[in-house]
Amino acid sequence: MNSKRIVFLLLAVIVAGTTAFLARAWLQSERAAIAAQMGGQHPVSKPAVQVLVARTAIHTGQLVKPEDLRWQPWPQGNLPPSYIVEGKRPIGDFVGAVARSQFHVGEPIVESDIVMPGSRGFLAAVLKPGLRAVSIPATATSTVSGFIYAGDRVDVLLTHALIGQNGQGQHNATETILRNARVIAMDQKLDFTPGDKPDVAKTATLELTAKQTEIVTLAVKMGDLSLVLRSLQDPADEERDSASGEDATAELGDSYTHDSQVSRLIKDPNPPPKPPDPMKTSVFVLHGGHATKQELDGSVVSDPNTAPPAEPDGTKPTAPRTTTVNRTQESVPQ
């Protein structure tokens, strides 16, 4: 090969390599210059904040409990102002509120969709659809010494006076007019905080149907009302439909106690009727014009004024018949 060509090829390779090296160095210097102009600052995302969300599904009209809420990280860049952020208000402020609408799991809690205790319309939000709230007077003896709280189930007893027949005598009686009624408030307290001491309320508010509110309102005028606390594990409740659960409404009572059942010294105003006397069968024995009445139990009543049974028309009384019975005994050999 010609030596000149070899020299030219080597020079070409050297020039190409030098050009590539210089080009790479220039690009790196340009990148460094651009980075220097930007000051080395890179966009940094804002830190996430804690937002109050529903831990479990919350239905419309449900009282919010501590286990229904939790804090969840939420990007601060697209945070709506209506969300509840940790640090501004504690989670305990929202316990006892009533949901105006349904919340799904993980959905942020918005104050406009809940009703806080003590605010306007709170009691109406607590009531179940179709039910009413009615208050009755309460005392220490009628409310189990203050151990009845909102959310408990009670029976309603009425003690009143009864007037005897023909306006004579007065008796007392106690009857169960309602069973399994739900207490929604004691005075103005709609919830119970652990650690609260028993407090004797002056009024108790019950959740009843429209007809039951009429019964309770009239019962207040008739006598004294008492609330009887029901057990959480009442066998009578197990017989009901288990699907009803907390949604079960009150029922009409069916038992009573009269004062004569308490004290033996009080006479029952409505004693049970006496059984009718057993019918006696009599037999008339005729001896001519004399009649003798004889009972089947062996007693004999003679009444000369008692006329014998009438004979059919056109017939004469028959003379008494005499029947002679002869008994013979067989001879016994000597």
C-alpha atoms as a PDB file:
ATOM      1  CA  MET A   1       0.000   0.000   0.000  1.00  0.00           C
ATOM      2  CA  ASN A   2       1.173   3.510  -0.693  1.00  0.00           C
ATOM      3  CA  SER A   3       2.719   5.119   2.417  1.00  0.00           C
ATOM      4  CA  LYS A   4       1.014   8.427   1.687  1.00  0.00           C
ATOM      5  CA  ARG A   5      -2.419   6.848   1.936  1.00  0.00           C
ATOM      6  CA  ILE A   6      -1.548   5.301   5.255  1.00  0.00           C
ATOM      7  CA  VAL A   7      -0.425   8.640   6.629  1.00  0.00           C
ATOM      8  CA  PHE A   8      -3.638  10.331   5.455  1.00  0.00           C
ATOM      9  CA  LEU A   9      -5.795   7.602   7.089  1.00  0.00           C
ATOM     10  CA  LEU A  10      -3.978   8.008  10.380  1.00  0.00           C
ATOM     11  CA  LEU A  11      -4.380  11.745  10.267  1.00  0.00           C
ATOM     12  CA  ALA A  12      -8.091  11.364   9.504  1.00  0.00           C
ATOM     13  CA  VAL A  13      -8.599   9.042  12.492  1.00  0.00           C
ATOM     14  CA  ILE A  14      -6.734  11.436  14.783  1.00  0.00           C
ATOM     15  CA  VAL A  15      -8.760  14.416  13.615  1.00  0.00           C
ATOM     16  CA  ALA A  16     -12.070  12.523  14.048  1.00  0.00           C
ATOM     17  CA  GLY A  17     -11.193  11.427  17.584  1.00  0.00           C
ATOM     18  CA  THR A  18     -10.116  14.892  18.565  1.00  0.00           C
ATOM     19  CA  THR A  19     -13.324  16.352  17.183  1.00  0.00           C
ATOM     20  CA  ALA A  20     -15.482  13.885  19.095  1.00  0.00           C
ATOM     21  CA  PHE A  21     -13.613  14.551  22.324  1.00  0.00           C
ATOM     22  CA  LEU A  22     -13.954  18.303  21.917  1.00  0.00           C
ATOM     23  CA  ALA A  23     -17.665  17.980  21.114  1.00  0.00           C
ATOM     24  CA  ARG A  24     -18.296  15.881  24.237  1.00  0.00           C
ATOM     25  CA  ALA A  25     -16.405  18.344  26.393  1.00  0.00           C
ATOM     26  CA  TRP A  26     -18.431  21.212  24.944  1.00  0.00           C
ATOM     27  CA  LEU A  27     -21.745  19.480  25.655  1.00  0.00           C
ATOM     28  CA  GLN A  28     -20.757  18.794  29.244  1.00  0.00           C
ATOM     29  CA  SER A  29     -19.716  22.406  29.715  1.00  0.00           C
ATOM     30  CA  GLU A  30     -23.057  23.596  28.308  1.00  0.00           C
ATOM     31  CA  ARG A  31     -25.006  21.323  30.669  1.00  0.00           C
ATOM     32  CA  ALA A  32     -22.982  22.569  33.600  1.00  0.00           C
ATOM     33  CA  ALA A  33     -23.666  26.148  32.570  1.00  0.00           C
ATOM     34  CA  ILE A  34     -27.402  25.534  32.332  1.00  0.00           C
ATOM     35  CA  ALA A  35     -27.401  23.852  35.741  1.00  0.00           C
ATOM     36  CA  ALA A  36     -25.445  26.768  37.176  1.00  0.00           C
ATOM     37  CA  GLN A  37     -27.979  29.219  35.780  1.00  0.00           C
ATOM     38  CA  MET A  38     -30.843  27.313  37.458  1.00  0.00           C
ATOM     39  CA  GLY A  39     -28.934  27.518  40.690  1.00  0.00           C
ATOM     40  CA  GLY A  40     -29.129  23.805  41.235  1.00  0.00           C
ATOM     41  CA  GLN A  41     -32.778  24.118  42.536  1.00  0.00           C
ATOM     42  CA  HIS A  42     -35.130  21.224  41.807  1.00  0.00           C
ATOM     43  CA  PRO A  43     -38.926  21.274  42.344  1.00  0.00           C
ATOM     44  CA  VAL A  44     -39.800  19.557  45.637  1.00  0.00           C
ATOM     45  CA  SER A  45     -43.333  18.191  46.323  1.00  0.00           C
ATOM     46  CA  LYS A  46     -45.078  19.518  49.407  1.00  0.00           C
ATOM     47  CA  PRO A  47     -45.232  17.111  52.349  1.00  0.00           C
ATOM     48  CA  ALA A  48     -48.480  15.180  52.972  1.00  0.00           C
ATOM     49  CA  VAL A  49     -50.833  16.179  55.807  1.00  0.00           C
ATOM     50  CA  GLN A  50     -53.144  14.045  58.004  1.00  0.00           C
ATOM     51  CA  VAL A  51     -56.820  14.268  57.039  1.00  0.00           C
ATOM     52  CA  LEU A  52     -59.756  12.894  59.057  1.00  0.00           C
ATOM     53  CA  VAL A  53     -61.443  10.039  57.152  1.00  0.00           C
ATOM     54  CA  ALA A  54     -63.977   7.303  57.871  1.00  0.00           C
ATOM     55  CA  ARG A  55     -62.415   4.106  59.195  1.00  0.00           C
ATOM     56  CA  THR A  56     -65.656   2.162  58.643  1.00  0.00           C
ATOM     57  CA  ALA A  57     -68.785   2.824  56.610  1.00  0.00           C
ATOM     58  CA  ILE A  58     -70.959   5.472  58.296  1.00  0.00           C
ATOM     59  CA  HIS A  59     -74.667   5.508  57.419  1.00  0.00           C
ATOM     60  CA  THR A  60     -77.034   8.453  57.366  1.00  0.00           C
ATOM     61  CA  GLY A  61     -78.319   9.267  60.858  1.00  0.00           C
ATOM     62  CA  GLN A  62     -75.638   7.178  62.590  1.00  0.00           C
ATOM     63  CA  LEU A  63     -73.883   8.445  65.693  1.00  0.00           C
ATOM     64  CA  VAL A  64     -70.150   8.712  65.058  1.00  0.00           C
ATOM     65  CA  LYS A  65     -68.012   6.685  67.471  1.00  0.00           C
ATOM     66  CA  PRO A  66     -64.239   6.858  68.084  1.00  0.00           C
ATOM     67  CA  GLU A  67     -63.660   3.613  66.198  1.00  0.00           C
ATOM     68  CA  ASP A  68     -65.381   5.087  63.105  1.00  0.00           C
ATOM     69  CA  LEU A  69     -62.666   7.725  62.493  1.00  0.00           C
ATOM     70  CA  ARG A  70     -58.925   7.814  61.776  1.00  0.00           C
ATOM     71  CA  TRP A  71     -56.219  10.111  60.364  1.00  0.00           C
ATOM     72  CA  GLN A  72     -54.917   9.386  56.846  1.00  0.00           C
ATOM     73  CA  PRO A  73     -52.001  11.018  54.907  1.00  0.00           C
ATOM     74  CA  TRP A  74     -53.237  13.292  52.134  1.00  0.00           C
ATOM     75  CA  PRO A  75     -51.227  15.300  49.537  1.00  0.00           C
ATOM     76  CA  GLN A  76     -51.283  18.941  50.490  1.00  0.00           C
ATOM     77  CA  GLY A  77     -51.165  20.179  46.916  1.00  0.00           C
ATOM     78  CA  ASN A  78     -54.818  19.361  46.124  1.00  0.00           C
ATOM     79  CA  LEU A  79     -56.277  19.621  49.634  1.00  0.00           C
ATOM     80  CA  PRO A  80     -59.794  21.149  49.693  1.00  0.00           C
ATOM     81  CA  PRO A  81     -60.348  23.697  52.481  1.00  0.00           C
ATOM     82  CA  SER A  82     -63.419  21.789  53.786  1.00  0.00           C
ATOM     83  CA  TYR A  83     -61.307  18.793  54.901  1.00  0.00           C
ATOM     84  CA  ILE A  84     -60.443  18.409  58.585  1.00  0.00           C
ATOM     85  CA  VAL A  85     -56.665  18.527  59.092  1.00  0.00           C
ATOM     86  CA  GLU A  86     -54.830  17.088  62.086  1.00  0.00           C
ATOM     87  CA  GLY A  87     -53.531  19.717  64.452  1.00  0.00           C
ATOM     88  CA  LYS A  88     -56.396  22.154  64.023  1.00  0.00           C
ATOM     89  CA  ARG A  89     -59.014  20.115  65.932  1.00  0.00           C
ATOM     90  CA  PRO A  90     -58.727  16.836  67.873  1.00  0.00           C
ATOM     91  CA  ILE A  91     -60.557  13.751  66.701  1.00  0.00           C
ATOM     92  CA  GLY A  92     -62.583  13.660  69.932  1.00  0.00           C
ATOM     93  CA  ASP A  93     -64.489  16.791  68.900  1.00  0.00           C
ATOM     94  CA  PHE A  94     -66.307  14.803  66.233  1.00  0.00           C
ATOM     95  CA  VAL A  95     -67.269  11.825  68.408  1.00  0.00           C
ATOM     96  CA  GLY A  96     -71.028  11.842  69.028  1.00  0.00           C
ATOM     97  CA  ALA A  97     -71.860  13.751  65.842  1.00  0.00           C
ATOM     98  CA  VAL A  98     -74.594  12.504  63.499  1.00  0.00           C
ATOM     99  CA  ALA A  99     -73.959  11.878  59.814  1.00  0.00           C
ATOM    100  CA  ARG A 100     -76.190  13.848  57.456  1.00  0.00           C
ATOM    101  CA  SER A 101     -75.070  11.658  54.534  1.00  0.00           C
ATOM    102  CA  GLN A 102     -73.325   8.340  54.038  1.00  0.00           C
ATOM    103  CA  PHE A 103     -69.510   8.049  54.244  1.00  0.00           C
ATOM    104  CA  HIS A 104     -67.594   5.224  52.610  1.00  0.00           C
ATOM    105  CA  VAL A 105     -64.403   3.713  54.010  1.00  0.00           C
ATOM    106  CA  GLY A 106     -61.506   6.144  53.532  1.00  0.00           C
ATOM    107  CA  GLU A 107     -63.733   9.069  52.540  1.00  0.00           C
ATOM    108  CA  PRO A 108     -62.737  12.407  54.133  1.00  0.00           C
ATOM    109  CA  ILE A 109     -65.089  13.780  56.787  1.00  0.00           C
ATOM    110  CA  VAL A 110     -66.575  17.169  55.916  1.00  0.00           C
ATOM    111  CA  GLU A 111     -68.143  19.295  58.664  1.00  0.00           C
ATOM    112  CA  SER A 112     -71.052  20.287  56.438  1.00  0.00           C
ATOM    113  CA  ASP A 113     -72.069  16.602  56.178  1.00  0.00           C
ATOM    114  CA  ILE A 114     -72.250  16.000  59.948  1.00  0.00           C
ATOM    115  CA  VAL A 115     -74.314  17.524  62.757  1.00  0.00           C
ATOM    116  CA  MET A 116     -72.384  18.330  65.912  1.00  0.00           C
ATOM    117  CA  PRO A 117     -73.935  17.716  69.373  1.00  0.00           C
ATOM    118  CA  GLY A 118     -75.746  20.764  70.680  1.00  0.00           C
ATOM    119  CA  SER A 119     -76.201  22.322  67.270  1.00  0.00           C
ATOM    120  CA  ARG A 120     -79.549  23.058  65.705  1.00  0.00           C
ATOM    121  CA  GLY A 121     -81.263  20.015  64.192  1.00  0.00           C
ATOM    122  CA  PHE A 122     -79.090  17.517  66.041  1.00  0.00           C
ATOM    123  CA  LEU A 123     -81.978  15.697  67.747  1.00  0.00           C
ATOM    124  CA  ALA A 124     -83.955  15.513  64.500  1.00  0.00           C
ATOM    125  CA  ALA A 125     -80.916  13.934  62.840  1.00  0.00           C
ATOM    126  CA  VAL A 126     -80.667  11.328  65.618  1.00  0.00           C
ATOM    127  CA  LEU A 127     -84.268  10.156  65.156  1.00  0.00           C
ATOM    128  CA  LYS A 128     -84.871   7.245  62.825  1.00  0.00           C
ATOM    129  CA  PRO A 129     -87.234   7.827  59.876  1.00  0.00           C
ATOM    130  CA  GLY A 130     -90.894   7.754  60.906  1.00  0.00           C
ATOM    131  CA  LEU A 131     -90.228   7.976  64.673  1.00  0.00           C
ATOM    132  CA  ARG A 132     -90.851  10.757  67.196  1.00  0.00           C
ATOM    133  CA  ALA A 133     -89.133  12.090  70.320  1.00  0.00           C
ATOM    134  CA  VAL A 134     -91.146  12.606  73.517  1.00  0.00           C
ATOM    135  CA  SER A 135     -89.914  13.607  76.987  1.00  0.00           C
ATOM    136  CA  ILE A 136     -91.256  12.414  80.322  1.00  0.00           C
ATOM    137  CA  PRO A 137     -90.475  13.619  83.861  1.00  0.00           C
ATOM    138  CA  ALA A 138     -87.727  11.696  85.652  1.00  0.00           C
ATOM    139  CA  THR A 139     -86.644  11.315  89.253  1.00  0.00           C
ATOM    140  CA  ALA A 140     -83.993   9.325  91.085  1.00  0.00           C
ATOM    141  CA  THR A 141     -86.408   6.472  91.791  1.00  0.00           C
ATOM    142  CA  SER A 142     -87.984   6.449  88.342  1.00  0.00           C
ATOM    143  CA  THR A 143     -84.642   6.316  86.466  1.00  0.00           C
ATOM    144  CA  VAL A 144     -82.689   3.708  88.457  1.00  0.00           C
ATOM    145  CA  SER A 145     -80.807   6.315  90.513  1.00  0.00           C
ATOM    146  CA  GLY A 146     -79.409   8.003  87.425  1.00  0.00           C
ATOM    147  CA  PHE A 147     -77.895   4.881  85.849  1.00  0.00           C
ATOM    148  CA  ILE A 148     -79.951   5.203  82.672  1.00  0.00           C
ATOM    149  CA  TYR A 149     -78.048   6.865  79.815  1.00  0.00           C
ATOM    150  CA  ALA A 150     -78.734   7.761  76.206  1.00  0.00           C
ATOM    151  CA  GLY A 151     -78.757   4.639  74.060  1.00  0.00           C
ATOM    152  CA  ASP A 152     -80.153   2.316  76.743  1.00  0.00           C
ATOM    153  CA  ARG A 153     -83.327   0.287  76.308  1.00  0.00           C
ATOM    154  CA  VAL A 154     -86.080   0.590  78.935  1.00  0.00           C
ATOM    155  CA  ASP A 155     -89.631  -0.479  79.772  1.00  0.00           C
ATOM    156  CA  VAL A 156     -92.158   2.219  80.698  1.00  0.00           C
ATOM    157  CA  LEU A 157     -94.380   1.496  83.722  1.00  0.00           C
ATOM    158  CA  LEU A 158     -97.515   3.424  84.736  1.00  0.00           C
ATOM    159  CA  THR A 159     -98.772   3.453  88.353  1.00  0.00           C
ATOM    160  CA  HIS A 160    -102.261   4.933  88.753  1.00  0.00           C
ATOM    161  CA  ALA A 161    -105.435   4.704  90.867  1.00  0.00           C
ATOM    162  CA  LEU A 162    -108.520   2.724  89.908  1.00  0.00           C
ATOM    163  CA  ILE A 163    -112.064   3.490  91.020  1.00  0.00           C
ATOM    164  CA  GLY A 164    -114.157   0.501  92.024  1.00  0.00           C
ATOM    165  CA  GLN A 165    -117.524  -0.427  90.631  1.00  0.00           C
ATOM    166  CA  ASN A 166    -120.352   2.044  91.285  1.00  0.00           C
ATOM    167  CA  GLY A 167    -117.744   4.579  92.391  1.00  0.00           C
ATOM    168  CA  GLN A 168    -117.003   2.696  95.620  1.00  0.00           C
ATOM    169  CA  GLY A 169    -113.467   2.018  96.803  1.00  0.00           C
ATOM    170  CA  GLN A 170    -110.137   2.943  95.281  1.00  0.00           C
ATOM    171  CA  HIS A 171    -107.342   0.610  94.233  1.00  0.00           C
ATOM    172  CA  ASN A 172    -103.856   1.036  92.769  1.00  0.00           C
ATOM    173  CA  ALA A 173    -102.277  -0.821  89.872  1.00  0.00           C
ATOM    174  CA  THR A 174     -99.042  -0.791  87.889  1.00  0.00           C
ATOM    175  CA  GLU A 175     -98.931  -1.814  84.254  1.00  0.00           C
ATOM    176  CA  THR A 176     -96.259  -1.989  81.561  1.00  0.00           C
ATOM    177  CA  ILE A 177     -97.410   0.323  78.791  1.00  0.00           C
ATOM    178  CA  LEU A 178     -94.263   0.129  76.614  1.00  0.00           C
ATOM    179  CA  ARG A 179     -91.447  -2.373  76.208  1.00  0.00           C
ATOM    180  CA  ASN A 180     -87.940  -2.006  74.715  1.00  0.00           C
ATOM    181  CA  ALA A 181     -88.091   1.777  74.220  1.00  0.00           C
ATOM    182  CA  ARG A 182     -84.840   3.500  73.205  1.00  0.00           C
ATOM    183  CA  VAL A 183     -83.575   6.402  75.304  1.00  0.00           C
ATOM    184  CA  ILE A 184     -82.067   9.080  73.059  1.00  0.00           C
ATOM    185  CA  ALA A 185     -81.354  11.745  75.703  1.00  0.00           C
ATOM    186  CA  MET A 186     -81.254  12.348  79.444  1.00  0.00           C
ATOM    187  CA  ASP A 187     -81.908  16.042  79.977  1.00  0.00           C
ATOM    188  CA  GLN A 188     -79.810  17.564  77.156  1.00  0.00           C
ATOM    189  CA  LYS A 189     -77.159  14.817  77.095  1.00  0.00           C
ATOM    190  CA  LEU A 190     -77.277  12.637  74.006  1.00  0.00           C
ATOM    191  CA  ASP A 191     -74.138  10.623  74.724  1.00  0.00           C
ATOM    192  CA  PHE A 192     -72.135   9.197  77.586  1.00  0.00           C
ATOM    193  CA  THR A 193     -68.448   9.780  78.096  1.00  0.00           C
ATOM    194  CA  PRO A 194     -66.533   7.095  80.026  1.00  0.00           C
ATOM    195  CA  GLY A 195     -65.689   8.391  83.469  1.00  0.00           C
ATOM    196  CA  ASP A 196     -68.832  10.507  83.874  1.00  0.00           C
ATOM    197  CA  LYS A 197     -70.509  10.097  87.264  1.00  0.00           C
ATOM    198  CA  PRO A 198     -74.187   9.093  87.416  1.00  0.00           C
ATOM    199  CA  ASP A 199     -76.368  12.183  87.280  1.00  0.00           C
ATOM    200  CA  VAL A 200     -80.056  12.220  88.159  1.00  0.00           C
ATOM    201  CA  ALA A 201     -81.825  13.791  85.208  1.00  0.00           C
ATOM    202  CA  LYS A 202     -85.100  15.679  85.360  1.00  0.00           C
ATOM    203  CA  THR A 203     -86.375  14.502  81.979  1.00  0.00           C
ATOM    204  CA  ALA A 204     -85.880  11.476  79.767  1.00  0.00           C
ATOM    205  CA  THR A 205     -86.435  11.575  76.006  1.00  0.00           C
ATOM    206  CA  LEU A 206     -87.651   8.415  74.305  1.00  0.00           C
ATOM    207  CA  GLU A 207     -87.776   7.418  70.645  1.00  0.00           C
ATOM    208  CA  LEU A 208     -91.304   6.155  69.873  1.00  0.00           C
ATOM    209  CA  THR A 209     -93.859   5.876  67.118  1.00  0.00           C
ATOM    210  CA  ALA A 210     -96.561   8.504  66.666  1.00  0.00           C
ATOM    211  CA  LYS A 211     -99.198   6.358  68.423  1.00  0.00           C
ATOM    212  CA  GLN A 212     -96.862   5.515  71.299  1.00  0.00           C
ATOM    213  CA  THR A 213     -96.157   9.209  71.907  1.00  0.00           C
ATOM    214  CA  GLU A 214     -99.905   9.720  72.409  1.00  0.00           C
ATOM    215  CA  ILE A 215     -99.982   6.852  74.901  1.00  0.00           C
ATOM    216  CA  VAL A 216     -97.061   8.231  76.909  1.00  0.00           C
ATOM    217  CA  THR A 217     -98.421  11.795  76.894  1.00  0.00           C
ATOM    218  CA  LEU A 218    -101.751  10.606  78.277  1.00  0.00           C
ATOM    219  CA  ALA A 219    -100.046   8.330  80.803  1.00  0.00           C
ATOM    220  CA  VAL A 220     -98.202  11.350  82.281  1.00  0.00           C
ATOM    221  CA  LYS A 221    -101.615  12.830  83.184  1.00  0.00           C
ATOM    222  CA  MET A 222    -102.987   9.535  84.525  1.00  0.00           C
ATOM    223  CA  GLY A 223    -100.314   8.708  87.113  1.00  0.00           C
ATOM    224  CA  ASP A 224     -96.615   8.229  87.799  1.00  0.00           C
ATOM    225  CA  LEU A 225     -94.229   6.863  85.157  1.00  0.00           C
ATOM    226  CA  SER A 226     -91.134   4.779  85.871  1.00  0.00           C
ATOM    227  CA  LEU A 227     -88.340   3.576  83.582  1.00  0.00           C
ATOM    228  CA  VAL A 228     -87.044   0.035  84.026  1.00  0.00           C
ATOM    229  CA  LEU A 229     -83.584  -0.635  82.571  1.00  0.00           C
ATOM    230  CA  ARG A 230     -83.368  -3.675  80.295  1.00  0.00           C
ATOM    231  CA  SER A 231     -80.397  -6.006  80.068  1.00  0.00           C
ATOM    232  CA  LEU A 232     -78.227  -6.076  76.963  1.00  0.00           C
ATOM    233  CA  GLN A 233     -78.697  -9.862  76.885  1.00  0.00           C
ATOM    234  CA  ASP A 234     -82.441 -10.072  77.384  1.00  0.00           C
ATOM    235  CA  PRO A 235     -83.808 -13.489  76.298  1.00  0.00           C
ATOM    236  CA  ALA A 236     -86.942 -11.764  75.029  1.00  0.00           C
ATOM    237  CA  ASP A 237     -84.856  -9.767  72.572  1.00  0.00           C
ATOM    238  CA  GLU A 238     -83.322 -12.931  71.112  1.00  0.00           C
ATOM    239  CA  GLU A 239     -86.759 -14.053  69.985  1.00  0.00           C
ATOM    240  CA  ARG A 240     -87.081 -10.989  67.776  1.00  0.00           C
ATOM    241  CA  ASP A 241     -85.614 -10.717  64.316  1.00  0.00           C
ATOM    242  CA  SER A 242     -81.857 -10.428  64.742  1.00  0.00           C
ATOM    243  CA  ALA A 243     -81.686  -8.242  61.632  1.00  0.00           C
ATOM    244  CA  SER A 244     -83.523  -5.429  63.433  1.00  0.00           C
ATOM    245  CA  GLY A 245     -80.789  -5.018  66.058  1.00  0.00           C
ATOM    246  CA  GLU A 246     -80.465  -1.386  67.104  1.00  0.00           C
ATOM    247  CA  ASP A 247     -83.287  -0.397  64.753  1.00  0.00           C
ATOM    248  CA  ALA A 248     -85.949  -2.190  66.803  1.00  0.00           C
ATOM    249  CA  THR A 249     -88.803   0.073  67.915  1.00  0.00           C
ATOM    250  CA  ALA A 250     -90.745  -0.017  71.178  1.00  0.00           C
ATOM    251  CA  GLU A 251     -93.666  -2.391  71.676  1.00  0.00           C
ATOM    252  CA  LEU A 252     -96.872  -2.142  73.669  1.00  0.00           C
ATOM    253  CA  GLY A 253     -96.804  -3.792  77.104  1.00  0.00           C
ATOM    254  CA  ASP A 254     -99.038  -6.689  78.090  1.00  0.00           C
ATOM    255  CA  SER A 255     -98.620  -7.183  81.854  1.00  0.00           C
ATOM    256  CA  TYR A 256     -99.961  -5.522  85.014  1.00  0.00           C
ATOM    257  CA  THR A 257    -100.083  -5.965  88.785  1.00  0.00           C
ATOM    258  CA  HIS A 258    -103.087  -5.114  90.993  1.00  0.00           C
ATOM    259  CA  ASP A 259    -102.737  -4.037  94.609  1.00  0.00           C
ATOM    260  CA  SER A 260    -104.684  -7.120  95.674  1.00  0.00           C
ATOM    261  CA  GLN A 261    -101.828  -9.200  94.238  1.00  0.00           C
ATOM    262  CA  VAL A 262     -99.365  -7.372  96.504  1.00  0.00           C
ATOM    263  CA  SER A 263    -101.277  -7.397  99.805  1.00  0.00           C
ATOM    264  CA  ARG A 264    -103.577 -10.169 100.979  1.00  0.00           C
ATOM    265  CA  LEU A 265    -105.435  -7.639 103.109  1.00  0.00           C
ATOM    266  CA  ILE A 266    -106.873  -5.947 100.023  1.00  0.00           C
ATOM    267  CA  LYS A 267    -109.947  -7.536  98.603  1.00  0.00           C
ATOM    268  CA  ASP A 268    -109.958  -8.201  94.900  1.00  0.00           C
ATOM    269  CA  PRO A 269    -112.449  -5.770  93.332  1.00  0.00           C
ATOM    270  CA  ASN A 270    -113.185  -8.222  90.552  1.00  0.00           C
ATOM    271  CA  PRO A 271    -113.286 -11.664  92.149  1.00  0.00           C
ATOM    272  CA  PRO A 272    -113.737 -14.590  89.822  1.00  0.00           C
ATOM    273  CA  PRO A 273    -117.390 -15.603  89.370  1.00  0.00           C
ATOM    274  CA  LYS A 274    -118.648 -18.420  91.531  1.00  0.00           C
ATOM    275  CA  PRO A 275    -119.144 -21.705  89.751  1.00  0.00           C
ATOM    276  CA  PRO A 276    -122.807 -22.602  89.252  1.00  0.00           C
ATOM    277  CA  ASP A 277    -124.344 -25.035  91.737  1.00  0.00           C
ATOM    278  CA  PRO A 278    -124.367 -28.587  90.463  1.00  0.00           C
ATOM    279  CA  MET A 279    -127.729 -29.699  89.211  1.00  0.00           C
ATOM    280  CA  LYS A 280    -129.524 -32.092  91.499  1.00  0.00           C
ATOM    281  CA  THR A 281    -131.708 -34.803  90.090  1.00  0.00           C
ATOM    282  CA  SER A 282    -134.813 -35.522  92.131  1.00  0.00           C
ATOM    283  CA  VAL A 283    -137.269 -38.418  92.089  1.00  0.00           C
ATOM    284  CA  PHE A 284    -140.893 -38.051  93.150  1.00  0.00           C
ATOM    285  CA  VAL A 285    -142.417 -41.099  94.834  1.00  0.00           C
ATOM    286  CA  LEU A 286    -146.226 -41.046  94.702  1.00  0.00           C
ATOM    287  CA  HIS A 287    -148.341 -42.748  97.355  1.00  0.00           C
ATOM    288  CA  GLY A 288    -151.881 -41.946  96.424  1.00  0.00           C
ATOM    289  CA  GLY A 289    -152.284 -38.228  96.893  1.00  0.00           C
ATOM    290  CA  HIS A 290    -149.060 -37.886  98.851  1.00  0.00           C
ATOM    291  CA  ALA A 291    -145.774 -37.173  97.108  1.00  0.00           C
ATOM    292  CA  THR A 292    -142.316 -37.713  98.500  1.00  0.00           C
ATOM    293  CA  LYS A 293    -139.282 -36.021  96.932  1.00  0.00           C
ATOM    294  CA  GLN A 294    -136.119 -38.059  97.155  1.00  0.00           C
ATOM    295  CA  GLU A 295    -132.663 -36.837  96.036  1.00  0.00           C
ATOM    296  CA  LEU A 296    -130.133 -39.109  94.458  1.00  0.00           C
ATOM    297  CA  ASP A 297    -127.744 -38.526  97.344  1.00  0.00           C
ATOM    298  CA  GLY A 298    -130.191 -40.362  99.618  1.00  0.00           C
ATOM    299  CA  SER A 299    -131.855 -37.389 101.320  1.00  0.00           C
ATOM    300  CA  VAL A 300    -135.676 -37.432 101.445  1.00  0.00           C
ATOM    301  CA  VAL A 301    -137.831 -34.298 101.484  1.00  0.00           C
ATOM    302  CA  SER A 302    -141.505 -34.743 102.264  1.00  0.00           C
ATOM    303  CA  ASP A 303    -143.732 -31.864 101.330  1.00  0.00           C
ATOM    304  CA  PRO A 304    -147.447 -32.347 101.559  1.00  0.00           C
ATOM    305  CA  ASN A 305    -148.007 -29.242  99.444  1.00  0.00           C
ATOM    306  CA  THR A 306    -145.924 -30.623  96.625  1.00  0.00           C
ATOM    307  CA  ALA A 307    -148.199 -31.730  93.897  1.00  0.00           C
ATOM    308  CA  PRO A 308    -147.308 -34.833  91.972  1.00  0.00           C
ATOM    309  CA  PRO A 309    -146.268 -34.469  88.390  1.00  0.00           C
ATOM    310  CA  ALA A 310    -149.210 -33.776  86.102  1.00  0.00           C
ATOM    311  CA  GLU A 311    -150.547 -36.611  84.041  1.00  0.00           C
ATOM    312  CA  PRO A 312    -151.339 -36.250  80.398  1.00  0.00           C
ATOM    313  CA  ASP A 313    -154.835 -34.958  79.576  1.00  0.00           C
ATOM    314  CA  GLY A 314    -157.571 -37.568  79.661  1.00  0.00           C
ATOM    315  CA  THR A 315    -155.719 -40.034  81.845  1.00  0.00           C
ATOM    316  CA  LYS A 316    -156.163 -40.952  85.472  1.00  0.00           C
ATOM    317  CA  PRO A 317    -153.407 -41.153  87.942  1.00  0.00           C
ATOM    318  CA  THR A 318    -152.231 -44.630  88.294  1.00  0.00           C
ATOM    319  CA  ALA A 319    -151.984 -46.334  91.610  1.00  0.00           C
ATOM    320  CA  PRO A 320    -148.581 -47.010  92.951  1.00  0.00           C
ATOM    321  CA  ARG A 321    -147.250 -50.287  91.941  1.00  0.00           C
ATOM    322  CA  THR A 322    -145.744 -52.641  94.438  1.00  0.00           C
ATOM    323  CA  THR A 323    -143.161 -55.098  93.419  1.00  0.00           C
ATOM    324  CA  THR A 324    -142.477 -58.045  95.636  1.00  0.00           C
ATOM    325  CA  VAL A 325    -139.210 -59.834  95.416  1.00  0.00           C
ATOM    326  CA  ASN A 326    -139.026 -63.310  96.936  1.00  0.00           C
ATOM    327  CA  ARG A 327    -135.667 -64.753  97.648  1.00  0.00           C
ATOM    328  CA  THR A 328    -135.365 -68.494  98.239  1.00  0.00           C
ATOM    329  CA  GLN A 329    -132.361 -70.223  99.603  1.00  0.00           C
ATOM    330  CA  GLU A 330    -131.382 -73.755  98.809  1.00  0.00           C
ATOM    331  CA  SER A 331    -131.618 -76.207 101.648  1.00  0.00           C
ATOM    332  CA  VAL A 332    -128.464 -77.250 103.275  1.00  0.00           C
ATOM    333  CA  PRO A 333    -128.165 -80.935 104.245  1.00  0.00           C
ATOM    334  CA  GLN A 334    -127.956 -81.483 108.007  1.00  0.00           C
END
